[in-house]
Structures are given as structure tokens and as C-alpha cells.
PDB file of N, CA and C in Angstrom:
ATOM      1  N   MET A   1      17.833  12.095  -3.401  1.00  0.00           N
ATOM      2  CA  MET A   1      18.068  13.504  -3.577  1.00  0.00           C
ATOM      3  C   MET A   1      18.416  14.136  -2.234  1.00  0.00           C
ATOM      4  N   LYS A   2      19.440  14.931  -2.196  1.00  0.00           N
ATOM      5  CA  LYS A   2      19.852  15.609  -0.970  1.00  0.00           C
ATOM      6  C   LYS A   2      19.011  16.862  -0.769  1.00  0.00           C
ATOM      7  N   ARG A   3      18.463  17.006   0.402  1.00  0.00           N
ATOM      8  CA  ARG A   3      17.644  18.168   0.725  1.00  0.00           C
ATOM      9  C   ARG A   3      18.513  19.212   1.431  1.00  0.00           C
ATOM     10  N   ASP A   4      18.225  20.484   1.185  1.00  0.00           N
ATOM     11  CA  ASP A   4      18.929  21.553   1.878  1.00  0.00           C
ATOM     12  C   ASP A   4      18.528  21.604   3.345  1.00  0.00           C
ATOM     13  N   ASN A   5      17.277  21.278   3.612  1.00  0.00           N
ATOM     14  CA  ASN A   5      16.783  21.256   4.988  1.00  0.00           C
ATOM     15  C   ASN A   5      16.667  19.814   5.454  1.00  0.00           C
ATOM     16  N   PHE A   6      16.919  19.593   6.709  1.00  0.00           N
ATOM     17  CA  PHE A   6      16.809  18.244   7.255  1.00  0.00           C
ATOM     18  C   PHE A   6      15.453  17.998   7.886  1.00  0.00           C
ATOM     19  N   TRP A   7      14.536  18.926   7.794  1.00  0.00           N
ATOM     20  CA  TRP A   7      13.213  18.791   8.406  1.00  0.00           C
ATOM     21  C   TRP A   7      12.131  19.106   7.384  1.00  0.00           C
ATOM     22  N   PHE A   8      10.913  18.723   7.723  1.00  0.00           N
ATOM     23  CA  PHE A   8       9.762  19.141   6.932  1.00  0.00           C
ATOM     24  C   PHE A   8       8.660  19.566   7.900  1.00  0.00           C
ATOM     25  N   ALA A   9       7.783  20.398   7.397  1.00  0.00           N
ATOM     26  CA  ALA A   9       6.743  20.961   8.260  1.00  0.00           C
ATOM     27  C   ALA A   9       5.825  19.853   8.785  1.00  0.00           C
ATOM     28  N   PHE A  10       5.672  19.805  10.076  1.00  0.00           N
ATOM     29  CA  PHE A  10       4.774  18.857  10.723  1.00  0.00           C
ATOM     30  C   PHE A  10       4.215  19.555  11.946  1.00  0.00           C
ATOM     31  N   GLU A  11       2.901  19.541  12.083  1.00  0.00           N
ATOM     32  CA  GLU A  11       2.262  20.222  13.199  1.00  0.00           C
ATOM     33  C   GLU A  11       1.659  19.197  14.152  1.00  0.00           C
ATOM     34  N   PRO A  12       2.363  18.881  15.234  1.00  0.00           N
ATOM     35  CA  PRO A  12       1.874  17.862  16.175  1.00  0.00           C
ATOM     36  C   PRO A  12       0.472  18.141  16.700  1.00  0.00           C
ATOM     37  N   ASN A  13       0.161  19.397  16.981  1.00  0.00           N
ATOM     38  CA  ASN A  13      -1.182  19.697  17.508  1.00  0.00           C
ATOM     39  C   ASN A  13      -2.268  19.345  16.500  1.00  0.00           C
ATOM     40  N   ARG A  14      -2.027  19.620  15.229  1.00  0.00           N
ATOM     41  CA  ARG A  14      -3.017  19.272  14.208  1.00  0.00           C
ATOM     42  C   ARG A  14      -3.115  17.757  14.058  1.00  0.00           C
ATOM     43  N   TRP A  15      -1.990  17.066  14.108  1.00  0.00           N
ATOM     44  CA  TRP A  15      -1.964  15.608  14.011  1.00  0.00           C
ATOM     45  C   TRP A  15      -2.766  15.001  15.160  1.00  0.00           C
ATOM     46  N   LEU A  16      -2.508  15.464  16.369  1.00  0.00           N
ATOM     47  CA  LEU A  16      -3.161  14.900  17.547  1.00  0.00           C
ATOM     48  C   LEU A  16      -4.636  15.261  17.647  1.00  0.00           C
ATOM     49  N   SER A  17      -5.040  16.377  17.061  1.00  0.00           N
ATOM     50  CA  SER A  17      -6.437  16.800  17.183  1.00  0.00           C
ATOM     51  C   SER A  17      -7.293  16.397  15.981  1.00  0.00           C
ATOM     52  N   ASN A  18      -6.723  15.702  15.008  1.00  0.00           N
ATOM     53  CA  ASN A  18      -7.484  15.293  13.831  1.00  0.00           C
ATOM     54  C   ASN A  18      -8.469  14.196  14.221  1.00  0.00           C
ATOM     55  N   GLU A  19      -9.762  14.497  14.130  1.00  0.00           N
ATOM     56  CA  GLU A  19     -10.794  13.570  14.588  1.00  0.00           C
ATOM     57  C   GLU A  19     -10.835  12.283  13.776  1.00  0.00           C
ATOM     58  N   LYS A  20     -10.623  12.371  12.465  1.00  0.00           N
ATOM     59  CA  LYS A  20     -10.654  11.170  11.629  1.00  0.00           C
ATOM     60  C   LYS A  20      -9.429  10.306  11.880  1.00  0.00           C
ATOM     61  N   LEU A  21      -8.288  10.937  12.073  1.00  0.00           N
ATOM     62  CA  LEU A  21      -7.064  10.189  12.340  1.00  0.00           C
ATOM     63  C   LEU A  21      -7.146   9.455  13.672  1.00  0.00           C
ATOM     64  N   ALA A  22      -7.880  10.014  14.610  1.00  0.00           N
ATOM     65  CA  ALA A  22      -8.033   9.384  15.922  1.00  0.00           C
ATOM     66  C   ALA A  22      -8.736   8.034  15.816  1.00  0.00           C
ATOM     67  N   LEU A  23      -9.442   7.794  14.710  1.00  0.00           N
ATOM     68  CA  LEU A  23     -10.205   6.554  14.552  1.00  0.00           C
ATOM     69  C   LEU A  23      -9.381   5.392  14.000  1.00  0.00           C
ATOM     70  N   VAL A  24      -8.179   5.661  13.503  1.00  0.00           N
ATOM     71  CA  VAL A  24      -7.387   4.589  12.914  1.00  0.00           C
ATOM     72  C   VAL A  24      -6.378   4.055  13.924  1.00  0.00           C
ATOM     73  N   SER A  25      -5.877   2.870  13.645  1.00  0.00           N
ATOM     74  CA  SER A  25      -4.953   2.213  14.563  1.00  0.00           C
ATOM     75  C   SER A  25      -3.591   2.900  14.578  1.00  0.00           C
ATOM     76  N   LEU A  26      -2.839   2.598  15.607  1.00  0.00           N
ATOM     77  CA  LEU A  26      -1.481   3.118  15.704  1.00  0.00           C
ATOM     78  C   LEU A  26      -0.630   2.631  14.529  1.00  0.00           C
ATOM     79  N   GLY A  27      -0.881   1.410  14.084  1.00  0.00           N
ATOM     80  CA  GLY A  27      -0.160   0.879  12.928  1.00  0.00           C
ATOM     81  C   GLY A  27      -0.417   1.692  11.665  1.00  0.00           C
ATOM     82  N   ALA A  28      -1.675   2.083  11.440  1.00  0.00           N
ATOM     83  CA  ALA A  28      -2.012   2.889  10.268  1.00  0.00           C
ATOM     84  C   ALA A  28      -1.378   4.275  10.365  1.00  0.00           C
ATOM     85  N   LYS A  29      -1.360   4.836  11.558  1.00  0.00           N
ATOM     86  CA  LYS A  29      -0.710   6.130  11.755  1.00  0.00           C
ATOM     87  C   LYS A  29       0.791   6.026  11.478  1.00  0.00           C
ATOM     88  N   GLY A  30       1.385   4.945  11.933  1.00  0.00           N
ATOM     89  CA  GLY A  30       2.806   4.724  11.676  1.00  0.00           C
ATOM     90  C   GLY A  30       3.090   4.579  10.192  1.00  0.00           C
ATOM     91  N   LEU A  31       2.216   3.879   9.481  1.00  0.00           N
ATOM     92  CA  LEU A  31       2.379   3.736   8.034  1.00  0.00           C
ATOM     93  C   LEU A  31       2.292   5.097   7.365  1.00  0.00           C
ATOM     94  N   TRP A  32       1.356   5.929   7.778  1.00  0.00           N
ATOM     95  CA  TRP A  32       1.210   7.259   7.176  1.00  0.00           C
ATOM     96  C   TRP A  32       2.484   8.086   7.368  1.00  0.00           C
ATOM     97  N   ILE A  33       3.037   8.084   8.567  1.00  0.00           N
ATOM     98  CA  ILE A  33       4.273   8.827   8.825  1.00  0.00           C
ATOM     99  C   ILE A  33       5.414   8.256   7.979  1.00  0.00           C
ATOM    100  N   HIS A  34       5.490   6.937   7.875  1.00  0.00           N
ATOM    101  CA  HIS A  34       6.534   6.298   7.063  1.00  0.00           C
ATOM    102  C   HIS A  34       6.406   6.723   5.598  1.00  0.00           C
ATOM    103  N   LEU A  35       5.190   6.748   5.082  1.00  0.00           N
ATOM    104  CA  LEU A  35       4.970   7.164   3.698  1.00  0.00           C
ATOM    105  C   LEU A  35       5.325   8.635   3.500  1.00  0.00           C
ATOM    106  N   LEU A  36       5.020   9.475   4.484  1.00  0.00           N
ATOM    107  CA  LEU A  36       5.415  10.885   4.399  1.00  0.00           C
ATOM    108  C   LEU A  36       6.931  11.013   4.309  1.00  0.00           C
ATOM    109  N   CYS A  37       7.635  10.212   5.088  1.00  0.00           N
ATOM    110  CA  CYS A  37       9.104  10.242   5.056  1.00  0.00           C
ATOM    111  C   CYS A  37       9.624   9.785   3.693  1.00  0.00           C
ATOM    112  N   LEU A  38       9.014   8.750   3.125  1.00  0.00           N
ATOM    113  CA  LEU A  38       9.424   8.306   1.785  1.00  0.00           C
ATOM    114  C   LEU A  38       9.163   9.383   0.747  1.00  0.00           C
ATOM    115  N   MET A  39       8.037  10.090   0.871  1.00  0.00           N
ATOM    116  CA  MET A  39       7.730  11.164  -0.068  1.00  0.00           C
ATOM    117  C   MET A  39       8.710  12.320   0.083  1.00  0.00           C
ATOM    118  N   TYR A  40       9.159  12.572   1.295  1.00  0.00           N
ATOM    119  CA  TYR A  40      10.140  13.624   1.542  1.00  0.00           C
ATOM    120  C   TYR A  40      11.454  13.305   0.825  1.00  0.00           C
ATOM    121  N   LYS A  41      11.834  12.033   0.854  1.00  0.00           N
ATOM    122  CA  LYS A  41      13.096  11.607   0.246  1.00  0.00           C
ATOM    123  C   LYS A  41      12.999  11.408  -1.265  1.00  0.00           C
ATOM    124  N   ALA A  42      11.810  11.374  -1.794  1.00  0.00           N
ATOM    125  CA  ALA A  42      11.602  11.035  -3.201  1.00  0.00           C
ATOM    126  C   ALA A  42      12.219  12.063  -4.142  1.00  0.00           C
ATOM    127  N   GLU A  43      12.572  11.589  -5.317  1.00  0.00           N
ATOM    128  CA  GLU A  43      13.098  12.467  -6.359  1.00  0.00           C
ATOM    129  C   GLU A  43      12.058  13.540  -6.708  1.00  0.00           C
ATOM    130  N   ALA A  44      10.817  13.119  -6.876  1.00  0.00           N
ATOM    131  CA  ALA A  44       9.710  14.061  -7.086  1.00  0.00           C
ATOM    132  C   ALA A  44       9.146  14.364  -5.703  1.00  0.00           C
ATOM    133  N   GLU A  45       9.741  15.339  -5.026  1.00  0.00           N
ATOM    134  CA  GLU A  45       9.415  15.616  -3.635  1.00  0.00           C
ATOM    135  C   GLU A  45       7.917  15.752  -3.415  1.00  0.00           C
ATOM    136  N   GLY A  46       7.423  15.034  -2.407  1.00  0.00           N
ATOM    137  CA  GLY A  46       6.009  15.097  -2.061  1.00  0.00           C
ATOM    138  C   GLY A  46       5.142  14.098  -2.794  1.00  0.00           C
ATOM    139  N   LYS A  47       5.754  13.271  -3.635  1.00  0.00           N
ATOM    140  CA  LYS A  47       4.991  12.270  -4.383  1.00  0.00           C
ATOM    141  C   LYS A  47       5.578  10.894  -4.104  1.00  0.00           C
ATOM    142  N   LEU A  48       4.713   9.948  -3.840  1.00  0.00           N
ATOM    143  CA  LEU A  48       5.142   8.575  -3.624  1.00  0.00           C
ATOM    144  C   LEU A  48       5.012   7.838  -4.944  1.00  0.00           C
ATOM    145  N   THR A  49       6.139   7.630  -5.604  1.00  0.00           N
ATOM    146  CA  THR A  49       6.126   6.956  -6.902  1.00  0.00           C
ATOM    147  C   THR A  49       7.270   5.953  -6.993  1.00  0.00           C
ATOM    148  N   ILE A  50       7.065   4.988  -7.866  1.00  0.00           N
ATOM    149  CA  ILE A  50       8.109   4.030  -8.241  1.00  0.00           C
ATOM    150  C   ILE A  50       8.164   4.070  -9.756  1.00  0.00           C
ATOM    151  N   ASN A  51       9.286   4.497 -10.286  1.00  0.00           N
ATOM    152  CA  ASN A  51       9.438   4.675 -11.737  1.00  0.00           C
ATOM    153  C   ASN A  51       8.327   5.541 -12.322  1.00  0.00           C
ATOM    154  N   GLY A  52       7.948   6.593 -11.589  1.00  0.00           N
ATOM    155  CA  GLY A  52       6.962   7.545 -12.081  1.00  0.00           C
ATOM    156  C   GLY A  52       5.506   7.179 -11.859  1.00  0.00           C
ATOM    157  N   SER A  53       5.237   6.005 -11.287  1.00  0.00           N
ATOM    158  CA  SER A  53       3.853   5.575 -11.049  1.00  0.00           C
ATOM    159  C   SER A  53       3.619   5.363  -9.559  1.00  0.00           C
ATOM    160  N   PRO A  54       2.375   5.570  -9.097  1.00  0.00           N
ATOM    161  CA  PRO A  54       2.082   5.290  -7.689  1.00  0.00           C
ATOM    162  C   PRO A  54       2.314   3.817  -7.383  1.00  0.00           C
ATOM    163  N   PRO A  55       2.868   3.510  -6.223  1.00  0.00           N
ATOM    164  CA  PRO A  55       3.091   2.112  -5.880  1.00  0.00           C
ATOM    165  C   PRO A  55       1.783   1.383  -5.592  1.00  0.00           C
ATOM    166  N   THR A  56       1.782   0.111  -5.878  1.00  0.00           N
ATOM    167  CA  THR A  56       0.633  -0.735  -5.556  1.00  0.00           C
ATOM    168  C   THR A  56       0.679  -1.074  -4.066  1.00  0.00           C
ATOM    169  N   PRO A  57      -0.422  -1.530  -3.505  1.00  0.00           N
ATOM    170  CA  PRO A  57      -0.387  -1.981  -2.113  1.00  0.00           C
ATOM    171  C   PRO A  57       0.663  -3.075  -1.890  1.00  0.00           C
ATOM    172  N   GLU A  58       0.866  -3.929  -2.883  1.00  0.00           N
ATOM    173  CA  GLU A  58       1.872  -4.985  -2.753  1.00  0.00           C
ATOM    174  C   GLU A  58       3.278  -4.386  -2.681  1.00  0.00           C
ATOM    175  N   GLN A  59       3.547  -3.363  -3.478  1.00  0.00           N
ATOM    176  CA  GLN A  59       4.858  -2.713  -3.443  1.00  0.00           C
ATOM    177  C   GLN A  59       5.075  -1.993  -2.111  1.00  0.00           C
ATOM    178  N   ILE A  60       4.043  -1.336  -1.612  1.00  0.00           N
ATOM    179  CA  ILE A  60       4.154  -0.686  -0.303  1.00  0.00           C
ATOM    180  C   ILE A  60       4.411  -1.734   0.767  1.00  0.00           C
ATOM    181  N   SER A  61       3.746  -2.870   0.669  1.00  0.00           N
ATOM    182  CA  SER A  61       3.972  -3.957   1.627  1.00  0.00           C
ATOM    183  C   SER A  61       5.430  -4.394   1.630  1.00  0.00           C
ATOM    184  N   ARG A  62       6.014  -4.517   0.443  1.00  0.00           N
ATOM    185  CA  ARG A  62       7.427  -4.900   0.365  1.00  0.00           C
ATOM    186  C   ARG A  62       8.325  -3.804   0.952  1.00  0.00           C
ATOM    187  N   MET A  63       7.953  -2.554   0.758  1.00  0.00           N
ATOM    188  CA  MET A  63       8.761  -1.449   1.295  1.00  0.00           C
ATOM    189  C   MET A  63       8.779  -1.452   2.817  1.00  0.00           C
ATOM    190  N   ILE A  64       7.668  -1.826   3.444  1.00  0.00           N
ATOM    191  CA  ILE A  64       7.600  -1.767   4.908  1.00  0.00           C
ATOM    192  C   ILE A  64       7.844  -3.121   5.571  1.00  0.00           C
ATOM    193  N   GLY A  65       7.887  -4.173   4.781  1.00  0.00           N
ATOM    194  CA  GLY A  65       8.198  -5.488   5.342  1.00  0.00           C
ATOM    195  C   GLY A  65       7.025  -6.228   5.950  1.00  0.00           C
ATOM    196  N   GLU A  66       5.814  -5.795   5.662  1.00  0.00           N
ATOM    197  CA  GLU A  66       4.615  -6.514   6.116  1.00  0.00           C
ATOM    198  C   GLU A  66       3.434  -6.121   5.241  1.00  0.00           C
ATOM    199  N   ASP A  67       2.332  -6.817   5.396  1.00  0.00           N
ATOM    200  CA  ASP A  67       1.147  -6.565   4.570  1.00  0.00           C
ATOM    201  C   ASP A  67       0.549  -5.210   4.918  1.00  0.00           C
ATOM    202  N   ALA A  68       0.626  -4.275   3.992  1.00  0.00           N
ATOM    203  CA  ALA A  68       0.130  -2.917   4.221  1.00  0.00           C
ATOM    204  C   ALA A  68      -1.343  -2.760   3.867  1.00  0.00           C
ATOM    205  N   ARG A  69      -1.930  -3.753   3.190  1.00  0.00           N
ATOM    206  CA  ARG A  69      -3.300  -3.586   2.714  1.00  0.00           C
ATOM    207  C   ARG A  69      -4.313  -3.250   3.790  1.00  0.00           C
ATOM    208  N   PRO A  70      -4.310  -3.927   4.938  1.00  0.00           N
ATOM    209  CA  PRO A  70      -5.297  -3.565   5.970  1.00  0.00           C
ATOM    210  C   PRO A  70      -5.092  -2.140   6.498  1.00  0.00           C
ATOM    211  N   LEU A  71      -3.826  -1.743   6.616  1.00  0.00           N
ATOM    212  CA  LEU A  71      -3.527  -0.404   7.104  1.00  0.00           C
ATOM    213  C   LEU A  71      -3.934   0.651   6.077  1.00  0.00           C
ATOM    214  N   LEU A  72      -3.684   0.371   4.812  1.00  0.00           N
ATOM    215  CA  LEU A  72      -4.080   1.292   3.754  1.00  0.00           C
ATOM    216  C   LEU A  72      -5.593   1.464   3.706  1.00  0.00           C
ATOM    217  N   LYS A  73      -6.335   0.374   3.967  1.00  0.00           N
ATOM    218  CA  LYS A  73      -7.801   0.476   3.992  1.00  0.00           C
ATOM    219  C   LYS A  73      -8.263   1.395   5.121  1.00  0.00           C
ATOM    220  N   GLU A  74      -7.581   1.333   6.255  1.00  0.00           N
ATOM    221  CA  GLU A  74      -7.930   2.218   7.362  1.00  0.00           C
ATOM    222  C   GLU A  74      -7.729   3.680   6.979  1.00  0.00           C
ATOM    223  N   LEU A  75      -6.639   3.931   6.285  1.00  0.00           N
ATOM    224  CA  LEU A  75      -6.330   5.321   5.917  1.00  0.00           C
ATOM    225  C   LEU A  75      -7.259   5.804   4.826  1.00  0.00           C
TER     226      LEU A  75
END
């Protein structure tokens, strides 16, 4: 789906000051940003779905090209 805007709201100060987020690995943070980008591009904006259903950890792993399960557990 083509978006009218090329950006989405992201507040770096809130991201950097989130105490719980500070506890997860850089890989988990990268996965979260990647998933946000996929949700931005999704037909149902803001929802991560495949054919209307949430993706399984295995499907997310295939989307990112590596095992996402440990990173998902961190998040």
C-alpha cells in the first residue's frame, strides 16, 4: 500500500530513555524496529499480519532471515 507520508512518528528520546528497552539486546531492538517498519507497510496499517493472522515466530524468522525466537522472547 502506498502511503501519503514517507515517515511515521518516532520519538528518539522516548526510545532511548525506555528503561525496559534498555535491558534487551541490540539485536532485539533491531527486530522491533524492523517489525515496526513491516507494520507501517502493511495493508492493515499498524498490524503485523500474514493473510489476516499474526505471524508465527517461524514466519517472522523467515522474514528476517534468522531465528527470531530468542529475540522475540527478549521483547
